[in-house]
All heavy atoms as atom14 arrays in JSON, in Angstrom:
{
  "sequence": "TYYRNSVKGRFTISRDGALNTIFLHMDTLGPD",
  "atom14_mask": [
    [1, 1, 1, 1, 1, 1, 1, 0, 0, 0, 0, 0, 0, 0],
    [1, 1, 1, 1, 1, 1, 1, 1, 1, 1, 1, 1, 0, 0],
    [1, 1, 1, 1, 1, 1, 1, 1, 1, 1, 1, 1, 0, 0],
    [1, 1, 1, 1, 1, 1, 1, 1, 1, 1, 1, 0, 0, 0],
    [1, 1, 1, 1, 1, 1, 1, 1, 0, 0, 0, 0, 0, 0],
    [1, 1, 1, 1, 1, 1, 0, 0, 0, 0, 0, 0, 0, 0],
    [1, 1, 1, 1, 1, 1, 1, 0, 0, 0, 0, 0, 0, 0],
    [1, 1, 1, 1, 1, 1, 1, 1, 1, 0, 0, 0, 0, 0],
    [1, 1, 1, 1, 0, 0, 0, 0, 0, 0, 0, 0, 0, 0],
    [1, 1, 1, 1, 1, 1, 1, 1, 1, 1, 1, 0, 0, 0],
    [1, 1, 1, 1, 1, 1, 1, 1, 1, 1, 1, 0, 0, 0],
    [1, 1, 1, 1, 1, 1, 1, 0, 0, 0, 0, 0, 0, 0],
    [1, 1, 1, 1, 1, 1, 1, 1, 0, 0, 0, 0, 0, 0],
    [1, 1, 1, 1, 1, 1, 0, 0, 0, 0, 0, 0, 0, 0],
    [1, 1, 1, 1, 1, 1, 1, 1, 1, 1, 1, 0, 0, 0],
    [1, 1, 1, 1, 1, 1, 1, 1, 0, 0, 0, 0, 0, 0],
    [1, 1, 1, 1, 0, 0, 0, 0, 0, 0, 0, 0, 0, 0],
    [1, 1, 1, 1, 1, 0, 0, 0, 0, 0, 0, 0, 0, 0],
    [1, 1, 1, 1, 1, 1, 1, 1, 0, 0, 0, 0, 0, 0],
    [1, 1, 1, 1, 1, 1, 1, 1, 0, 0, 0, 0, 0, 0],
    [1, 1, 1, 1, 1, 1, 1, 0, 0, 0, 0, 0, 0, 0],
    [1, 1, 1, 1, 1, 1, 1, 1, 0, 0, 0, 0, 0, 0],
    [1, 1, 1, 1, 1, 1, 1, 1, 1, 1, 1, 0, 0, 0],
    [1, 1, 1, 1, 1, 1, 1, 1, 0, 0, 0, 0, 0, 0],
    [1, 1, 1, 1, 1, 1, 1, 1, 1, 1, 0, 0, 0, 0],
    [1, 1, 1, 1, 1, 1, 1, 1, 0, 0, 0, 0, 0, 0],
    [1, 1, 1, 1, 1, 1, 1, 1, 0, 0, 0, 0, 0, 0],
    [1, 1, 1, 1, 1, 1, 1, 0, 0, 0, 0, 0, 0, 0],
    [1, 1, 1, 1, 1, 1, 1, 1, 0, 0, 0, 0, 0, 0],
    [1, 1, 1, 1, 0, 0, 0, 0, 0, 0, 0, 0, 0, 0],
    [1, 1, 1, 1, 1, 1, 1, 0, 0, 0, 0, 0, 0, 0],
    [1, 1, 1, 1, 1, 1, 1, 1, 0, 0, 0, 0, 0, 0]
  ],
  "atom14_positions": [
    [[-249.23, -37.94, 104.59], [-248.61, -39.21, 104.95], [-249.34, -39.91, 106.08], [-250.06, -39.29, 106.87], [-247.14, -39.02, 105.36], [-247.07, -38.11, 106.47], [-246.32, -38.47, 104.21], [0.0, 0.0, 0.0], [0.0, 0.0, 0.0], [0.0, 0.0, 0.0], [0.0, 0.0, 0.0], [0.0, 0.0, 0.0], [0.0, 0.0, 0.0], [0.0, 0.0, 0.0]],
    [[-249.15, -41.21, 106.12], [-249.63, -42.07, 107.19], [-248.48, -42.96, 107.63], [-247.69, -43.43, 106.79], [-250.79, -42.94, 106.71], [-250.98, -44.18, 107.56], [-251.74, -44.15, 108.72], [-250.36, -45.38, 107.21], [-251.88, -45.27, 109.51], [-250.5, -46.51, 107.99], [-251.26, -46.45, 109.14], [-251.4, -47.58, 109.92], [0.0, 0.0, 0.0], [0.0, 0.0, 0.0]],
    [[-248.37, -43.2, 108.94], [-247.37, -44.12, 109.47], [-247.99, -45.07, 110.47], [-248.84, -44.67, 111.28], [-246.24, -43.37, 110.17], [-245.41, -42.52, 109.26], [-245.65, -41.16, 109.13], [-244.36, -43.07, 108.53], [-244.89, -40.37, 108.3], [-243.59, -42.29, 107.69], [-243.86, -40.94, 107.58], [-243.09, -40.16, 106.75], [0.0, 0.0, 0.0], [0.0, 0.0, 0.0]],
    [[-247.56, -46.31, 110.43], [-247.88, -47.25, 111.47], [-247.25, -46.76, 112.77], [-246.14, -46.24, 112.78], [-247.35, -48.63, 111.1], [-247.77, -49.74, 112.05], [-247.23, -51.07, 111.58], [-247.81, -52.16, 112.35], [-248.95, -52.74, 112.07], [-249.66, -52.36, 111.02], [-249.42, -53.72, 112.84], [0.0, 0.0, 0.0], [0.0, 0.0, 0.0], [0.0, 0.0, 0.0]],
    [[-247.95, -46.96, 113.87], [-247.47, -46.44, 115.15], [-246.06, -46.92, 115.49], [-245.25, -46.14, 116.01], [-248.43, -46.83, 116.28], [-249.7, -46.03, 116.27], [-249.76, -44.94, 115.72], [-250.74, -46.56, 116.89], [0.0, 0.0, 0.0], [0.0, 0.0, 0.0], [0.0, 0.0, 0.0], [0.0, 0.0, 0.0], [0.0, 0.0, 0.0], [0.0, 0.0, 0.0]],
    [[-245.75, -48.16, 115.19], [-244.47, -48.72, 115.59], [-243.29, -48.17, 114.78], [-242.14, -48.4, 115.17], [-244.5, -50.25, 115.48], [-244.72, -50.66, 114.14], [0.0, 0.0, 0.0], [0.0, 0.0, 0.0], [0.0, 0.0, 0.0], [0.0, 0.0, 0.0], [0.0, 0.0, 0.0], [0.0, 0.0, 0.0], [0.0, 0.0, 0.0], [0.0, 0.0, 0.0]],
    [[-243.55, -47.46, 113.68], [-242.46, -46.89, 112.89], [-242.4, -45.38, 112.97], [-241.46, -44.77, 112.43], [-242.52, -47.33, 111.41], [-242.65, -48.84, 111.31], [-243.66, -46.64, 110.68], [0.0, 0.0, 0.0], [0.0, 0.0, 0.0], [0.0, 0.0, 0.0], [0.0, 0.0, 0.0], [0.0, 0.0, 0.0], [0.0, 0.0, 0.0], [0.0, 0.0, 0.0]],
    [[-243.36, -44.75, 113.61], [-243.36, -43.29, 113.74], [-242.09, -42.82, 114.44], [-241.69, -43.37, 115.46], [-244.59, -42.82, 114.52], [-245.88, -42.93, 113.76], [-247.05, -42.44, 114.6], [-248.36, -42.53, 113.84], [-249.51, -42.11, 114.67], [0.0, 0.0, 0.0], [0.0, 0.0, 0.0], [0.0, 0.0, 0.0], [0.0, 0.0, 0.0], [0.0, 0.0, 0.0]],
    [[-241.47, -41.8, 113.87], [-240.23, -41.28, 114.42], [-238.99, -41.99, 113.94], [-237.88, -41.5, 114.16], [0.0, 0.0, 0.0], [0.0, 0.0, 0.0], [0.0, 0.0, 0.0], [0.0, 0.0, 0.0], [0.0, 0.0, 0.0], [0.0, 0.0, 0.0], [0.0, 0.0, 0.0], [0.0, 0.0, 0.0], [0.0, 0.0, 0.0], [0.0, 0.0, 0.0]],
    [[-239.15, -43.15, 113.29], [-238.01, -43.9, 112.77], [-238.01, -43.98, 111.24], [-236.95, -43.98, 110.64], [-238.0, -45.32, 113.33], [-237.84, -45.4, 114.83], [-237.61, -46.84, 115.28], [-238.72, -47.71, 114.93], [-238.62, -48.78, 114.13], [-237.45, -49.11, 113.61], [-239.69, -49.51, 113.88], [0.0, 0.0, 0.0], [0.0, 0.0, 0.0], [0.0, 0.0, 0.0]],
    [[-239.19, -44.07, 110.64], [-239.33, -44.2, 109.19], [-239.87, -42.9, 108.61], [-240.69, -42.22, 109.24], [-240.29, -45.32, 108.83], [-239.79, -46.71, 109.11], [-238.67, -46.94, 109.89], [-240.47, -47.8, 108.58], [-238.23, -48.23, 110.15], [-240.04, -49.09, 108.83], [-238.92, -49.31, 109.61], [0.0, 0.0, 0.0], [0.0, 0.0, 0.0], [0.0, 0.0, 0.0]],
    [[-239.45, -42.58, 107.39], [-239.95, -41.43, 106.68], [-240.3, -41.83, 105.25], [-239.46, -42.37, 104.53], [-238.92, -40.29, 106.63], [-238.56, -39.91, 107.97], [-239.51, -39.07, 105.92], [0.0, 0.0, 0.0], [0.0, 0.0, 0.0], [0.0, 0.0, 0.0], [0.0, 0.0, 0.0], [0.0, 0.0, 0.0], [0.0, 0.0, 0.0], [0.0, 0.0, 0.0]],
    [[-241.55, -41.58, 104.86], [-241.97, -41.83, 103.49], [-241.95, -40.51, 102.72], [-242.32, -39.47, 103.25], [-243.36, -42.5, 103.42], [-243.68, -42.96, 102.0], [-244.45, -41.58, 103.96], [-244.91, -43.86, 101.9], [0.0, 0.0, 0.0], [0.0, 0.0, 0.0], [0.0, 0.0, 0.0], [0.0, 0.0, 0.0], [0.0, 0.0, 0.0], [0.0, 0.0, 0.0]],
    [[-241.51, -40.56, 101.48], [-241.47, -39.37, 100.64], [-241.74, -39.77, 99.2], [-241.77, -40.96, 98.87], [-240.12, -38.65, 100.77], [-239.05, -39.49, 100.36], [0.0, 0.0, 0.0], [0.0, 0.0, 0.0], [0.0, 0.0, 0.0], [0.0, 0.0, 0.0], [0.0, 0.0, 0.0], [0.0, 0.0, 0.0], [0.0, 0.0, 0.0], [0.0, 0.0, 0.0]],
    [[-241.93, -38.77, 98.34], [-242.19, -39.07, 96.94], [-241.52, -38.04, 96.05], [-241.27, -36.9, 96.45], [-243.69, -39.16, 96.65], [-244.4, -37.89, 96.19], [-244.57, -36.88, 97.27], [-245.61, -35.91, 96.92], [-245.72, -34.7, 97.45], [-244.85, -34.31, 98.4], [-246.69, -33.89, 97.08], [0.0, 0.0, 0.0], [0.0, 0.0, 0.0], [0.0, 0.0, 0.0]],
    [[-241.23, -38.46, 94.83], [-240.77, -37.59, 93.76], [-241.76, -37.77, 92.63], [-241.69, -38.75, 91.89], [-239.35, -37.95, 93.33], [-238.77, -36.96, 92.33], [-239.54, -36.4, 91.52], [-237.55, -36.75, 92.35], [0.0, 0.0, 0.0], [0.0, 0.0, 0.0], [0.0, 0.0, 0.0], [0.0, 0.0, 0.0], [0.0, 0.0, 0.0], [0.0, 0.0, 0.0]],
    [[-242.69, -36.83, 92.5], [-243.74, -36.96, 91.5], [-243.22, -37.0, 90.08], [-243.77, -37.7, 89.24], [0.0, 0.0, 0.0], [0.0, 0.0, 0.0], [0.0, 0.0, 0.0], [0.0, 0.0, 0.0], [0.0, 0.0, 0.0], [0.0, 0.0, 0.0], [0.0, 0.0, 0.0], [0.0, 0.0, 0.0], [0.0, 0.0, 0.0], [0.0, 0.0, 0.0]],
    [[-242.16, -36.24, 89.81], [-241.6, -36.21, 88.46], [-241.04, -37.56, 88.05], [-241.01, -37.88, 86.87], [-240.54, -35.13, 88.37], [0.0, 0.0, 0.0], [0.0, 0.0, 0.0], [0.0, 0.0, 0.0], [0.0, 0.0, 0.0], [0.0, 0.0, 0.0], [0.0, 0.0, 0.0], [0.0, 0.0, 0.0], [0.0, 0.0, 0.0], [0.0, 0.0, 0.0]],
    [[-240.58, -38.33, 89.02], [-239.99, -39.64, 88.75], [-240.95, -40.78, 89.01], [-240.58, -41.94, 88.83], [-238.73, -39.83, 89.59], [-237.58, -38.86, 89.34], [-236.43, -39.16, 90.29], [-237.11, -38.94, 87.9], [0.0, 0.0, 0.0], [0.0, 0.0, 0.0], [0.0, 0.0, 0.0], [0.0, 0.0, 0.0], [0.0, 0.0, 0.0], [0.0, 0.0, 0.0]],
    [[-242.19, -40.48, 89.44], [-243.16, -41.52, 89.78], [-242.56, -42.52, 90.76], [-242.7, -43.73, 90.61], [-243.65, -42.24, 88.53], [-244.8, -41.52, 87.85], [-245.19, -40.43, 88.24], [-245.34, -42.14, 86.8], [0.0, 0.0, 0.0], [0.0, 0.0, 0.0], [0.0, 0.0, 0.0], [0.0, 0.0, 0.0], [0.0, 0.0, 0.0], [0.0, 0.0, 0.0]],
    [[-241.89, -42.0, 91.77], [-241.15, -42.83, 92.71], [-241.46, -42.43, 94.14], [-241.6, -41.24, 94.45], [-239.64, -42.7, 92.46], [-239.34, -43.12, 91.12], [-238.84, -43.55, 93.44], [0.0, 0.0, 0.0], [0.0, 0.0, 0.0], [0.0, 0.0, 0.0], [0.0, 0.0, 0.0], [0.0, 0.0, 0.0], [0.0, 0.0, 0.0], [0.0, 0.0, 0.0]],
    [[-241.58, -43.42, 95.01], [-241.67, -43.17, 96.44], [-240.49, -43.83, 97.14], [-239.88, -44.77, 96.61], [-243.0, -43.66, 97.07], [-243.14, -45.18, 96.97], [-244.18, -42.95, 96.42], [-244.27, -45.73, 97.82], [0.0, 0.0, 0.0], [0.0, 0.0, 0.0], [0.0, 0.0, 0.0], [0.0, 0.0, 0.0], [0.0, 0.0, 0.0], [0.0, 0.0, 0.0]],
    [[-240.2, -43.33, 98.33], [-239.07, -43.8, 99.1], [-239.52, -44.1, 100.53], [-240.51, -43.55, 101.02], [-237.96, -42.76, 99.14], [-237.54, -42.27, 97.79], [-238.13, -41.15, 97.23], [-236.56, -42.93, 97.07], [-237.75, -40.69, 95.98], [-236.17, -42.48, 95.82], [-236.76, -41.37, 95.28], [0.0, 0.0, 0.0], [0.0, 0.0, 0.0], [0.0, 0.0, 0.0]],
    [[-238.79, -44.97, 101.18], [-239.0, -45.22, 102.59], [-237.63, -45.25, 103.26], [-236.87, -46.2, 103.08], [-239.73, -46.55, 102.82], [-240.11, -46.83, 104.28], [-241.21, -45.87, 104.73], [-240.57, -48.27, 104.46], [0.0, 0.0, 0.0], [0.0, 0.0, 0.0], [0.0, 0.0, 0.0], [0.0, 0.0, 0.0], [0.0, 0.0, 0.0], [0.0, 0.0, 0.0]],
    [[-237.33, -44.19, 103.99], [-236.08, -44.13, 104.75], [-236.34, -44.71, 106.13], [-237.22, -44.24, 106.85], [-235.58, -42.7, 104.86], [-234.26, -42.59, 105.54], [-233.06, -42.65, 104.86], [-233.94, -42.45, 106.86], [-232.07, -42.54, 105.71], [-232.57, -42.42, 106.92], [0.0, 0.0, 0.0], [0.0, 0.0, 0.0], [0.0, 0.0, 0.0], [0.0, 0.0, 0.0]],
    [[-235.57, -45.71, 106.49], [-235.77, -46.45, 107.72], [-234.55, -46.3, 108.61], [-233.44, -46.64, 108.2], [-236.04, -47.93, 107.43], [-237.2, -48.16, 106.48], [-237.53, -49.92, 106.19], [-236.05, -50.37, 105.28], [0.0, 0.0, 0.0], [0.0, 0.0, 0.0], [0.0, 0.0, 0.0], [0.0, 0.0, 0.0], [0.0, 0.0, 0.0], [0.0, 0.0, 0.0]],
    [[-234.76, -45.81, 109.8], [-233.7, -45.64, 110.79], [-233.94, -46.55, 111.99], [-235.05, -46.99, 112.25], [-233.64, -44.19, 111.29], [-233.1, -43.22, 110.27], [-232.22, -43.6, 109.48], [-233.56, -42.05, 110.27], [0.0, 0.0, 0.0], [0.0, 0.0, 0.0], [0.0, 0.0, 0.0], [0.0, 0.0, 0.0], [0.0, 0.0, 0.0], [0.0, 0.0, 0.0]],
    [[-232.87, -46.8, 112.73], [-232.93, -47.56, 113.97], [-233.67, -48.88, 113.77], [-234.58, -49.23, 114.53], [-233.59, -46.73, 115.09], [-233.18, -45.36, 115.0], [-233.17, -47.26, 116.46], [0.0, 0.0, 0.0], [0.0, 0.0, 0.0], [0.0, 0.0, 0.0], [0.0, 0.0, 0.0], [0.0, 0.0, 0.0], [0.0, 0.0, 0.0], [0.0, 0.0, 0.0]],
    [[-233.25, -49.62, 112.77], [-233.91, -50.88, 112.45], [-233.66, -51.92, 113.52], [-232.56, -52.02, 114.08], [-233.42, -51.4, 111.1], [-233.95, -50.62, 109.89], [-233.11, -50.9, 108.66], [-235.41, -50.97, 109.63], [0.0, 0.0, 0.0], [0.0, 0.0, 0.0], [0.0, 0.0, 0.0], [0.0, 0.0, 0.0], [0.0, 0.0, 0.0], [0.0, 0.0, 0.0]],
    [[-234.69, -52.7, 113.81], [-234.59, -53.78, 114.77], [-235.14, -55.07, 114.21], [-235.68, -55.09, 113.1], [0.0, 0.0, 0.0], [0.0, 0.0, 0.0], [0.0, 0.0, 0.0], [0.0, 0.0, 0.0], [0.0, 0.0, 0.0], [0.0, 0.0, 0.0], [0.0, 0.0, 0.0], [0.0, 0.0, 0.0], [0.0, 0.0, 0.0], [0.0, 0.0, 0.0]],
    [[-235.05, -56.16, 114.96], [-235.52, -57.45, 114.47], [-236.99, -57.44, 114.04], [-237.35, -58.16, 113.11], [-235.31, -58.37, 115.68], [-234.17, -57.76, 116.42], [-234.37, -56.28, 116.27], [0.0, 0.0, 0.0], [0.0, 0.0, 0.0], [0.0, 0.0, 0.0], [0.0, 0.0, 0.0], [0.0, 0.0, 0.0], [0.0, 0.0, 0.0], [0.0, 0.0, 0.0]],
    [[-237.82, -56.65, 114.7], [-239.23, -56.6, 114.34], [-239.47, -55.96, 112.97], [-240.57, -56.07, 112.42], [-240.03, -55.83, 115.39], [-240.17, -56.59, 116.7], [-239.89, -57.8, 116.71], [-240.56, -55.96, 117.7], [0.0, 0.0, 0.0], [0.0, 0.0, 0.0], [0.0, 0.0, 0.0], [0.0, 0.0, 0.0], [0.0, 0.0, 0.0], [0.0, 0.0, 0.0]]
  ]
}
């Protein structure tokens, strides 16, 4: 995985290869 510095610790990227799907879980969202 790779994360932009400003989202490290707040966002999590994951994948389900069987479903050909990726996810982005985003916590502590702000205006930026």
